[in-house]
Amino acid sequence: ELGTIVIYRKKQYKICHIQIPFGLSLDKPWVKG
């Protein structure tokens, strides 16, 4: 959810935006951090 800590390319990021997937996607949602 917003504020969750994630790892991307060995660096930590705090999620600030979650993109709502178009259609019924089971993949990970695209996020900004």
Full PDB file with SEQRES, HELIX, SHEET, SSBOND, CRYST1, ORIGX, SCALE, CONECT and MASTER records, all heavy atoms in Angstrom:
SEQRES   1 A   33  GLU LEU GLY THR ILE VAL ILE TYR ARG LYS LYS GLN TYR          
SEQRES   2 A   33  LYS ILE CYS HIS ILE GLN ILE PRO PHE GLY LEU SER LEU          
SEQRES   3 A   33  ASP LYS PRO TRP VAL LYS GLY                                  
SHEET    1 AA1 2 ILE A   5  TYR A   8  0                                        
SHEET    2 AA1 2 LYS A  11  LYS A  14 -1                                        
SHEET    1 AA2 2 HIS A  17  ILE A  18  0                                        
SHEET    2 AA2 2 VAL A  31  LYS A  32 -1                                        
CRYST1    1.000    1.000    1.000  90.00  90.00  90.00 P 1           1          
ORIGX1      1.000000  0.000000  0.000000        0.00000                         
ORIGX2      0.000000  1.000000  0.000000        0.00000                         
ORIGX3      0.000000  0.000000  1.000000        0.00000                         
SCALE1      1.000000  0.000000  0.000000        0.00000                         
SCALE2      0.000000  1.000000  0.000000        0.00000                         
SCALE3      0.000000  0.000000  1.000000        0.00000                         
ATOM      1  N   GLU A   1       0.871  -1.169   0.000  1.00  0.00           N  
ATOM      2  CA  GLU A   1       0.000   0.000   0.000  1.00  0.00           C  
ATOM      3  C   GLU A   1       0.909   1.220   0.000  1.00  0.00           C  
ATOM      4  O   GLU A   1       2.137   1.086   0.002  1.00  0.00           O  
ATOM      5  CB  GLU A   1      -0.955  -0.012   1.193  1.00  0.00           C  
ATOM      6  CG  GLU A   1      -0.256  -0.064   2.531  1.00  0.00           C  
ATOM      7  CD  GLU A   1      -1.227  -0.233   3.687  1.00  0.00           C  
ATOM      8  OE1 GLU A   1      -2.411   0.045   3.518  1.00  0.00           O  
ATOM      9  OE2 GLU A   1      -0.763  -0.637   4.752  1.00  0.00           O  
ATOM     10  N   LEU A   2       0.338   2.401  -0.025  1.00  0.00           N  
ATOM     11  CA  LEU A   2       1.156   3.606  -0.006  1.00  0.00           C  
ATOM     12  C   LEU A   2       1.981   3.637   1.279  1.00  0.00           C  
ATOM     13  O   LEU A   2       1.473   3.369   2.356  1.00  0.00           O  
ATOM     14  CB  LEU A   2       0.276   4.854  -0.107  1.00  0.00           C  
ATOM     15  CG  LEU A   2      -0.508   5.009  -1.401  1.00  0.00           C  
ATOM     16  CD1 LEU A   2      -1.363   6.266  -1.346  1.00  0.00           C  
ATOM     17  CD2 LEU A   2       0.406   5.057  -2.594  1.00  0.00           C  
ATOM     18  N   GLY A   3       3.264   3.930   1.140  1.00  0.00           N  
ATOM     19  CA  GLY A   3       4.143   3.975   2.308  1.00  0.00           C  
ATOM     20  C   GLY A   3       4.902   2.682   2.564  1.00  0.00           C  
ATOM     21  O   GLY A   3       5.786   2.642   3.409  1.00  0.00           O  
ATOM     22  N   THR A   4       4.608   1.625   1.836  1.00  0.00           N  
ATOM     23  CA  THR A   4       5.308   0.349   1.998  1.00  0.00           C  
ATOM     24  C   THR A   4       6.727   0.476   1.450  1.00  0.00           C  
ATOM     25  O   THR A   4       6.957   1.110   0.431  1.00  0.00           O  
ATOM     26  CB  THR A   4       4.566  -0.777   1.244  1.00  0.00           C  
ATOM     27  OG1 THR A   4       3.242  -0.865   1.740  1.00  0.00           O  
ATOM     28  CG2 THR A   4       5.256  -2.110   1.434  1.00  0.00           C  
ATOM     29  N   ILE A   5       7.677  -0.153   2.119  1.00  0.00           N  
ATOM     30  CA  ILE A   5       9.075  -0.141   1.690  1.00  0.00           C  
ATOM     31  C   ILE A   5       9.300  -1.327   0.752  1.00  0.00           C  
ATOM     32  O   ILE A   5       8.932  -2.456   1.064  1.00  0.00           O  
ATOM     33  CB  ILE A   5      10.029  -0.251   2.903  1.00  0.00           C  
ATOM     34  CG1 ILE A   5       9.712   0.840   3.943  1.00  0.00           C  
ATOM     35  CG2 ILE A   5      11.488  -0.192   2.448  1.00  0.00           C  
ATOM     36  CD1 ILE A   5       9.805   2.250   3.447  1.00  0.00           C  
ATOM     37  N   VAL A   6       9.900  -1.058  -0.412  1.00  0.00           N  
ATOM     38  CA  VAL A   6      10.211  -2.103  -1.385  1.00  0.00           C  
ATOM     39  C   VAL A   6      11.652  -1.950  -1.848  1.00  0.00           C  
ATOM     40  O   VAL A   6      12.291  -0.918  -1.630  1.00  0.00           O  
ATOM     41  CB  VAL A   6       9.256  -2.065  -2.601  1.00  0.00           C  
ATOM     42  CG1 VAL A   6       7.828  -2.371  -2.182  1.00  0.00           C  
ATOM     43  CG2 VAL A   6       9.330  -0.751  -3.334  1.00  0.00           C  
ATOM     44  N   ILE A   7      12.159  -3.011  -2.489  1.00  0.00           N  
ATOM     45  CA  ILE A   7      13.511  -3.011  -3.033  1.00  0.00           C  
ATOM     46  C   ILE A   7      13.418  -3.029  -4.552  1.00  0.00           C  
ATOM     47  O   ILE A   7      12.646  -3.794  -5.120  1.00  0.00           O  
ATOM     48  CB  ILE A   7      14.301  -4.267  -2.565  1.00  0.00           C  
ATOM     49  CG1 ILE A   7      14.311  -4.380  -1.046  1.00  0.00           C  
ATOM     50  CG2 ILE A   7      15.711  -4.268  -3.145  1.00  0.00           C  
ATOM     51  CD1 ILE A   7      15.111  -3.323  -0.351  1.00  0.00           C  
ATOM     52  N   TYR A   8      14.222  -2.180  -5.194  1.00  0.00           N  
ATOM     53  CA  TYR A   8      14.301  -2.137  -6.658  1.00  0.00           C  
ATOM     54  C   TYR A   8      15.753  -1.875  -7.020  1.00  0.00           C  
ATOM     55  O   TYR A   8      16.331  -0.863  -6.607  1.00  0.00           O  
ATOM     56  CB  TYR A   8      13.390  -1.044  -7.213  1.00  0.00           C  
ATOM     57  CG  TYR A   8      13.470  -0.838  -8.700  1.00  0.00           C  
ATOM     58  CD1 TYR A   8      12.975  -1.787  -9.579  1.00  0.00           C  
ATOM     59  CD2 TYR A   8      14.036   0.309  -9.232  1.00  0.00           C  
ATOM     60  CE1 TYR A   8      13.038  -1.600 -10.952  1.00  0.00           C  
ATOM     61  CE2 TYR A   8      14.100   0.511 -10.599  1.00  0.00           C  
ATOM     62  CZ  TYR A   8      13.606  -0.453 -11.459  1.00  0.00           C  
ATOM     63  OH  TYR A   8      13.673  -0.266 -12.819  1.00  0.00           O  
ATOM     64  N   ARG A   9      16.353  -2.795  -7.737  1.00  0.00           N  
ATOM     65  CA  ARG A   9      17.774  -2.708  -8.128  1.00  0.00           C  
ATOM     66  C   ARG A   9      18.667  -2.456  -6.916  1.00  0.00           C  
ATOM     67  O   ARG A   9      19.514  -1.558  -6.911  1.00  0.00           O  
ATOM     68  CB  ARG A   9      17.972  -1.630  -9.178  1.00  0.00           C  
ATOM     69  CG  ARG A   9      17.297  -1.962 -10.491  1.00  0.00           C  
ATOM     70  CD  ARG A   9      17.655  -0.972 -11.553  1.00  0.00           C  
ATOM     71  NE  ARG A   9      16.980  -1.319 -12.797  1.00  0.00           N  
ATOM     72  CZ  ARG A   9      17.008  -0.578 -13.874  1.00  0.00           C  
ATOM     73  NH1 ARG A   9      17.668   0.564 -13.882  1.00  0.00           N  
ATOM     74  NH2 ARG A   9      16.377  -0.961 -14.957  1.00  0.00           N  
ATOM     75  N   LYS A  10      18.452  -3.236  -5.872  1.00  0.00           N  
ATOM     76  CA  LYS A  10      19.257  -3.234  -4.635  1.00  0.00           C  
ATOM     77  C   LYS A  10      19.178  -1.924  -3.838  1.00  0.00           C  
ATOM     78  O   LYS A  10      20.014  -1.641  -2.994  1.00  0.00           O  
ATOM     79  CB  LYS A  10      20.710  -3.565  -4.941  1.00  0.00           C  
ATOM     80  CG  LYS A  10      20.899  -4.928  -5.578  1.00  0.00           C  
ATOM     81  CD  LYS A  10      22.346  -5.201  -5.860  1.00  0.00           C  
ATOM     82  CE  LYS A  10      22.502  -6.538  -6.566  1.00  0.00           C  
ATOM     83  NZ  LYS A  10      23.883  -6.823  -6.902  1.00  0.00           N  
ATOM     84  N   LYS A  11      18.156  -1.100  -4.100  1.00  0.00           N  
ATOM     85  CA  LYS A  11      17.959   0.137  -3.337  1.00  0.00           C  
ATOM     86  C   LYS A  11      16.560   0.139  -2.741  1.00  0.00           C  
ATOM     87  O   LYS A  11      15.638  -0.436  -3.303  1.00  0.00           O  
ATOM     88  CB  LYS A  11      18.133   1.365  -4.226  1.00  0.00           C  
ATOM     89  CG  LYS A  11      19.544   1.530  -4.756  1.00  0.00           C  
ATOM     90  CD  LYS A  11      19.665   2.781  -5.590  1.00  0.00           C  
ATOM     91  CE  LYS A  11      21.069   2.912  -6.147  1.00  0.00           C  
ATOM     92  NZ  LYS A  11      21.191   4.049  -7.061  1.00  0.00           N  
ATOM     93  N   GLN A  12      16.432   0.793  -1.590  1.00  0.00           N  
ATOM     94  CA  GLN A  12      15.134   0.877  -0.924  1.00  0.00           C  
ATOM     95  C   GLN A  12      14.344   2.084  -1.426  1.00  0.00           C  
ATOM     96  O   GLN A  12      14.902   3.166  -1.634  1.00  0.00           O  
ATOM     97  CB  GLN A  12      15.306   1.031   0.589  1.00  0.00           C  
ATOM     98  CG  GLN A  12      15.565  -0.240   1.315  1.00  0.00           C  
ATOM     99  CD  GLN A  12      15.472  -0.029   2.815  1.00  0.00           C  
ATOM    100  OE1 GLN A  12      15.198   1.069   3.300  1.00  0.00           O  
ATOM    101  NE2 GLN A  12      15.695  -1.088   3.565  1.00  0.00           N  
ATOM    102  N   TYR A  13      13.033   1.856  -1.566  1.00  0.00           N  
ATOM    103  CA  TYR A  13      12.116   2.919  -1.958  1.00  0.00           C  
ATOM    104  C   TYR A  13      10.860   2.816  -1.110  1.00  0.00           C  
ATOM    105  O   TYR A  13      10.479   1.728  -0.683  1.00  0.00           O  
ATOM    106  CB  TYR A  13      11.716   2.791  -3.435  1.00  0.00           C  
ATOM    107  CG  TYR A  13      12.845   3.034  -4.398  1.00  0.00           C  
ATOM    108  CD1 TYR A  13      13.718   2.007  -4.750  1.00  0.00           C  
ATOM    109  CD2 TYR A  13      13.045   4.284  -4.960  1.00  0.00           C  
ATOM    110  CE1 TYR A  13      14.756   2.227  -5.636  1.00  0.00           C  
ATOM    111  CE2 TYR A  13      14.080   4.512  -5.849  1.00  0.00           C  
ATOM    112  CZ  TYR A  13      14.931   3.475  -6.182  1.00  0.00           C  
ATOM    113  OH  TYR A  13      15.954   3.702  -7.057  1.00  0.00           O  
ATOM    114  N   LYS A  14      10.237   3.957  -0.878  1.00  0.00           N  
ATOM    115  CA  LYS A  14       8.942   3.989  -0.197  1.00  0.00           C  
ATOM    116  C   LYS A  14       7.884   4.286  -1.255  1.00  0.00           C  
ATOM    117  O   LYS A  14       7.981   5.278  -1.975  1.00  0.00           O  
ATOM    118  CB  LYS A  14       8.927   5.062   0.891  1.00  0.00           C  
ATOM    119  CG  LYS A  14       7.619   5.103   1.670  1.00  0.00           C  
ATOM    120  CD  LYS A  14       7.701   6.031   2.862  1.00  0.00           C  
ATOM    121  CE  LYS A  14       7.755   7.461   2.390  1.00  0.00           C  
ATOM    122  NZ  LYS A  14       7.638   8.438   3.467  1.00  0.00           N  
ATOM    123  N   ILE A  15       6.876   3.423  -1.365  1.00  0.00           N  
ATOM    124  CA  ILE A  15       5.862   3.570  -2.409  1.00  0.00           C  
ATOM    125  C   ILE A  15       5.051   4.843  -2.179  1.00  0.00           C  
ATOM    126  O   ILE A  15       4.526   5.066  -1.094  1.00  0.00           O  
ATOM    127  CB  ILE A  15       4.939   2.338  -2.443  1.00  0.00           C  
ATOM    128  CG1 ILE A  15       5.728   1.119  -2.897  1.00  0.00           C  
ATOM    129  CG2 ILE A  15       3.753   2.577  -3.361  1.00  0.00           C  
ATOM    130  CD1 ILE A  15       4.932  -0.158  -2.904  1.00  0.00           C  
ATOM    131  N   CYS A  16       4.961   5.654  -3.242  1.00  0.00           N  
ATOM    132  CA  CYS A  16       4.182   6.892  -3.169  1.00  0.00           C  
ATOM    133  C   CYS A  16       3.036   6.900  -4.185  1.00  0.00           C  
ATOM    134  O   CYS A  16       2.174   7.780  -4.134  1.00  0.00           O  
ATOM    135  CB  CYS A  16       5.073   8.103  -3.377  1.00  0.00           C  
ATOM    136  SG  CYS A  16       5.887   8.157  -4.976  1.00  0.00           S  
ATOM    137  N   HIS A  17       3.030   5.933  -5.108  1.00  0.00           N  
ATOM    138  CA  HIS A  17       1.975   5.879  -6.126  1.00  0.00           C  
ATOM    139  C   HIS A  17       1.840   4.437  -6.614  1.00  0.00           C  
ATOM    140  O   HIS A  17       2.842   3.781  -6.891  1.00  0.00           O  
ATOM    141  CB  HIS A  17       2.331   6.787  -7.302  1.00  0.00           C  
ATOM    142  CG  HIS A  17       1.346   6.756  -8.419  1.00  0.00           C  
ATOM    143  ND1 HIS A  17       0.178   7.483  -8.385  1.00  0.00           N  
ATOM    144  CD2 HIS A  17       1.331   6.077  -9.578  1.00  0.00           C  
ATOM    145  CE1 HIS A  17      -0.494   7.245  -9.504  1.00  0.00           C  
ATOM    146  NE2 HIS A  17       0.183   6.393 -10.245  1.00  0.00           N  
ATOM    147  N   ILE A  18       0.617   3.963  -6.688  1.00  0.00           N  
ATOM    148  CA  ILE A  18       0.338   2.629  -7.221  1.00  0.00           C  
ATOM    149  C   ILE A  18      -0.557   2.810  -8.437  1.00  0.00           C  
ATOM    150  O   ILE A  18      -1.606   3.441  -8.357  1.00  0.00           O  
ATOM    151  CB  ILE A  18      -0.368   1.733  -6.182  1.00  0.00           C  
ATOM    152  CG1 ILE A  18       0.501   1.573  -4.943  1.00  0.00           C  
ATOM    153  CG2 ILE A  18      -0.706   0.370  -6.788  1.00  0.00           C  
ATOM    154  CD1 ILE A  18      -0.176   0.851  -3.803  1.00  0.00           C  
ATOM    155  N   GLN A  19      -0.120   2.260  -9.570  1.00  0.00           N  
ATOM    156  CA  GLN A  19      -0.921   2.370 -10.788  1.00  0.00           C  
ATOM    157  C   GLN A  19      -1.956   1.256 -10.805  1.00  0.00           C  
ATOM    158  O   GLN A  19      -1.628   0.086 -10.644  1.00  0.00           O  
ATOM    159  CB  GLN A  19      -0.038   2.275 -12.026  1.00  0.00           C  
ATOM    160  CG  GLN A  19      -0.810   2.433 -13.307  1.00  0.00           C  
ATOM    161  CD  GLN A  19       0.101   2.430 -14.518  1.00  0.00           C  
ATOM    162  OE1 GLN A  19       1.294   2.660 -14.414  1.00  0.00           O  
ATOM    163  NE2 GLN A  19      -0.473   2.170 -15.673  1.00  0.00           N  
ATOM    164  N   ILE A  20      -3.198   1.617 -10.990  1.00  0.00           N  
ATOM    165  CA  ILE A  20      -4.275   0.643 -11.077  1.00  0.00           C  
ATOM    166  C   ILE A  20      -4.121  -0.105 -12.399  1.00  0.00           C  
ATOM    167  O   ILE A  20      -4.085   0.526 -13.458  1.00  0.00           O  
ATOM    168  CB  ILE A  20      -5.660   1.327 -11.013  1.00  0.00           C  
ATOM    169  CG1 ILE A  20      -5.801   2.149  -9.743  1.00  0.00           C  
ATOM    170  CG2 ILE A  20      -6.770   0.304 -11.132  1.00  0.00           C  
ATOM    171  CD1 ILE A  20      -5.807   1.368  -8.479  1.00  0.00           C  
ATOM    172  N   PRO A  21      -4.016  -1.428 -12.372  1.00  0.00           N  
ATOM    173  CA  PRO A  21      -3.840  -2.163 -13.627  1.00  0.00           C  
ATOM    174  C   PRO A  21      -5.092  -2.120 -14.486  1.00  0.00           C  
ATOM    175  O   PRO A  21      -6.207  -2.099 -13.973  1.00  0.00           O  
ATOM    176  CB  PRO A  21      -3.540  -3.592 -13.160  1.00  0.00           C  
ATOM    177  CG  PRO A  21      -4.094  -3.679 -11.794  1.00  0.00           C  
ATOM    178  CD  PRO A  21      -4.051  -2.297 -11.211  1.00  0.00           C  
ATOM    179  N   PHE A  22      -4.888  -2.102 -15.787  1.00  0.00           N  
ATOM    180  CA  PHE A  22      -6.007  -2.116 -16.717  1.00  0.00           C  
ATOM    181  C   PHE A  22      -6.400  -3.565 -16.962  1.00  0.00           C  
ATOM    182  O   PHE A  22      -5.582  -4.377 -17.361  1.00  0.00           O  
ATOM    183  CB  PHE A  22      -5.620  -1.448 -18.035  1.00  0.00           C  
ATOM    184  CG  PHE A  22      -6.732  -1.426 -19.035  1.00  0.00           C  
ATOM    185  CD1 PHE A  22      -7.781  -0.538 -18.888  1.00  0.00           C  
ATOM    186  CD2 PHE A  22      -6.736  -2.294 -20.102  1.00  0.00           C  
ATOM    187  CE1 PHE A  22      -8.814  -0.509 -19.802  1.00  0.00           C  
ATOM    188  CE2 PHE A  22      -7.759  -2.278 -21.025  1.00  0.00           C  
ATOM    189  CZ  PHE A  22      -8.798  -1.388 -20.869  1.00  0.00           C  
ATOM    190  N   GLY A  23      -7.617  -3.905 -16.683  1.00  0.00           N  
ATOM    191  CA  GLY A  23      -8.061  -5.292 -16.847  1.00  0.00           C  
ATOM    192  C   GLY A  23      -7.704  -6.121 -15.625  1.00  0.00           C  
ATOM    193  O   GLY A  23      -7.196  -5.623 -14.628  1.00  0.00           O  
ATOM    194  N   LEU A  24      -7.960  -7.385 -15.711  1.00  0.00           N  
ATOM    195  CA  LEU A  24      -7.682  -8.287 -14.595  1.00  0.00           C  
ATOM    196  C   LEU A  24      -6.277  -8.839 -14.732  1.00  0.00           C  
ATOM    197  O   LEU A  24      -6.052  -9.875 -15.341  1.00  0.00           O  
ATOM    198  CB  LEU A  24      -8.706  -9.420 -14.563  1.00  0.00           C  
ATOM    199  CG  LEU A  24     -10.148  -8.982 -14.327  1.00  0.00           C  
ATOM    200  CD1 LEU A  24     -11.082 -10.164 -14.479  1.00  0.00           C  
ATOM    201  CD2 LEU A  24     -10.283  -8.366 -12.961  1.00  0.00           C  
ATOM    202  N   SER A  25      -5.314  -8.144 -14.188  1.00  0.00           N  
ATOM    203  CA  SER A  25      -3.917  -8.541 -14.276  1.00  0.00           C  
ATOM    204  C   SER A  25      -3.483  -9.196 -12.969  1.00  0.00           C  
ATOM    205  O   SER A  25      -3.762  -8.691 -11.888  1.00  0.00           O  
ATOM    206  CB  SER A  25      -3.050  -7.323 -14.553  1.00  0.00           C  
ATOM    207  OG  SER A  25      -1.695  -7.667 -14.507  1.00  0.00           O  
ATOM    208  N   LEU A  26      -2.805 -10.326 -13.082  1.00  0.00           N  
ATOM    209  CA  LEU A  26      -2.292 -11.003 -11.893  1.00  0.00           C  
ATOM    210  C   LEU A  26      -0.846 -10.607 -11.614  1.00  0.00           C  
ATOM    211  O   LEU A  26      -0.275 -11.020 -10.619  1.00  0.00           O  
ATOM    212  CB  LEU A  26      -2.388 -12.522 -12.070  1.00  0.00           C  
ATOM    213  CG  LEU A  26      -3.803 -13.073 -12.257  1.00  0.00           C  
ATOM    214  CD1 LEU A  26      -3.750 -14.568 -12.510  1.00  0.00           C  
ATOM    215  CD2 LEU A  26      -4.662 -12.777 -11.048  1.00  0.00           C  
ATOM    216  N   ASP A  27      -0.245  -9.814 -12.516  1.00  0.00           N  
ATOM    217  CA  ASP A  27       1.128  -9.377 -12.338  1.00  0.00           C  
ATOM    218  C   ASP A  27       1.217  -8.334 -11.231  1.00  0.00           C  
ATOM    219  O   ASP A  27       0.227  -7.787 -10.782  1.00  0.00           O  
ATOM    220  CB  ASP A  27       1.662  -8.760 -13.636  1.00  0.00           C  
ATOM    221  CG  ASP A  27       1.666  -9.758 -14.783  1.00  0.00           C  
ATOM    222  OD1 ASP A  27       1.755 -10.968 -14.503  1.00  0.00           O  
ATOM    223  OD2 ASP A  27       1.580  -9.320 -15.941  1.00  0.00           O  
ATOM    224  N   LYS A  28       2.449  -8.064 -10.829  1.00  0.00           N  
ATOM    225  CA  LYS A  28       2.661  -7.007  -9.846  1.00  0.00           C  
ATOM    226  C   LYS A  28       2.255  -5.668 -10.443  1.00  0.00           C  
ATOM    227  O   LYS A  28       2.529  -5.394 -11.604  1.00  0.00           O  
ATOM    228  CB  LYS A  28       4.140  -6.931  -9.459  1.00  0.00           C  
ATOM    229  CG  LYS A  28       4.634  -8.072  -8.635  1.00  0.00           C  
ATOM    230  CD  LYS A  28       6.086  -7.818  -8.304  1.00  0.00           C  
ATOM    231  CE  LYS A  28       6.686  -8.957  -7.547  1.00  0.00           C  
ATOM    232  NZ  LYS A  28       8.116  -8.711  -7.293  1.00  0.00           N  
ATOM    233  N   PRO A  29       1.623  -4.815  -9.651  1.00  0.00           N  
ATOM    234  CA  PRO A  29       1.261  -3.487 -10.180  1.00  0.00           C  
ATOM    235  C   PRO A  29       2.505  -2.626 -10.337  1.00  0.00           C  
ATOM    236  O   PRO A  29       3.493  -2.792  -9.623  1.00  0.00           O  
ATOM    237  CB  PRO A  29       0.336  -2.929  -9.110  1.00  0.00           C  
ATOM    238  CG  PRO A  29       0.720  -3.636  -7.870  1.00  0.00           C  
ATOM    239  CD  PRO A  29       1.168  -5.004  -8.283  1.00  0.00           C  
ATOM    240  N   TRP A  30       2.460  -1.724 -11.282  1.00  0.00           N  
ATOM    241  CA  TRP A  30       3.537  -0.757 -11.441  1.00  0.00           C  
ATOM    242  C   TRP A  30       3.403   0.276 -10.334  1.00  0.00           C  
ATOM    243  O   TRP A  30       2.309   0.728 -10.017  1.00  0.00           O  
ATOM    244  CB  TRP A  30       3.455  -0.081 -12.793  1.00  0.00           C  
ATOM    245  CG  TRP A  30       3.949  -0.954 -13.913  1.00  0.00           C  
ATOM    246  CD1 TRP A  30       4.084  -2.312 -13.896  1.00  0.00           C  
ATOM    247  CD2 TRP A  30       4.360  -0.540 -15.193  1.00  0.00           C  
ATOM    248  NE1 TRP A  30       4.549  -2.758 -15.091  1.00  0.00           N  
ATOM    249  CE2 TRP A  30       4.728  -1.687 -15.919  1.00  0.00           C  
ATOM    250  CE3 TRP A  30       4.447   0.689 -15.821  1.00  0.00           C  
ATOM    251  CZ2 TRP A  30       5.189  -1.633 -17.226  1.00  0.00           C  
ATOM    252  CZ3 TRP A  30       4.899   0.746 -17.121  1.00  0.00           C  
ATOM    253  CH2 TRP A  30       5.277  -0.397 -17.810  1.00  0.00           C  
ATOM    254  N   VAL A  31       4.537   0.632  -9.734  1.00  0.00           N  
ATOM    255  CA  VAL A  31       4.526   1.591  -8.641  1.00  0.00           C  
ATOM    256  C   VAL A  31       5.582   2.666  -8.875  1.00  0.00           C  
ATOM    257  O   VAL A  31       6.506   2.489  -9.662  1.00  0.00           O  
ATOM    258  CB  VAL A  31       4.776   0.906  -7.269  1.00  0.00           C  
ATOM    259  CG1 VAL A  31       3.700  -0.100  -6.958  1.00  0.00           C  
ATOM    260  CG2 VAL A  31       6.139   0.255  -7.220  1.00  0.00           C  
ATOM    261  N   LYS A  32       5.433   3.770  -8.166  1.00  0.00           N  
ATOM    262  CA  LYS A  32       6.450   4.810  -8.089  1.00  0.00           C  
ATOM    263  C   LYS A  32       6.888   4.885  -6.645  1.00  0.00           C  
ATOM    264  O   LYS A  32       6.087   4.669  -5.726  1.00  0.00           O  
ATOM    265  CB  LYS A  32       5.898   6.166  -8.533  1.00  0.00           C  
ATOM    266  CG  LYS A  32       5.632   6.280 -10.008  1.00  0.00           C  
ATOM    267  CD  LYS A  32       5.178   7.678 -10.367  1.00  0.00           C  
ATOM    268  CE  LYS A  32       4.912   7.768 -11.854  1.00  0.00           C  
ATOM    269  NZ  LYS A  32       4.476   9.132 -12.229  1.00  0.00           N  
ATOM    270  N   GLY A  33       8.166   5.180  -6.428  1.00  0.00           N  
ATOM    271  CA  GLY A  33       8.668   5.239  -5.065  1.00  0.00           C  
ATOM    272  C   GLY A  33       9.637   6.382  -4.850  1.00  0.00           C  
ATOM    273  O   GLY A  33      10.256   6.881  -5.791  1.00  0.00           O  
TER     274      GLY A  33                                                      
MASTER        0    0    0    0    4    0    0    6  273    1    0    3          
END                                                                             
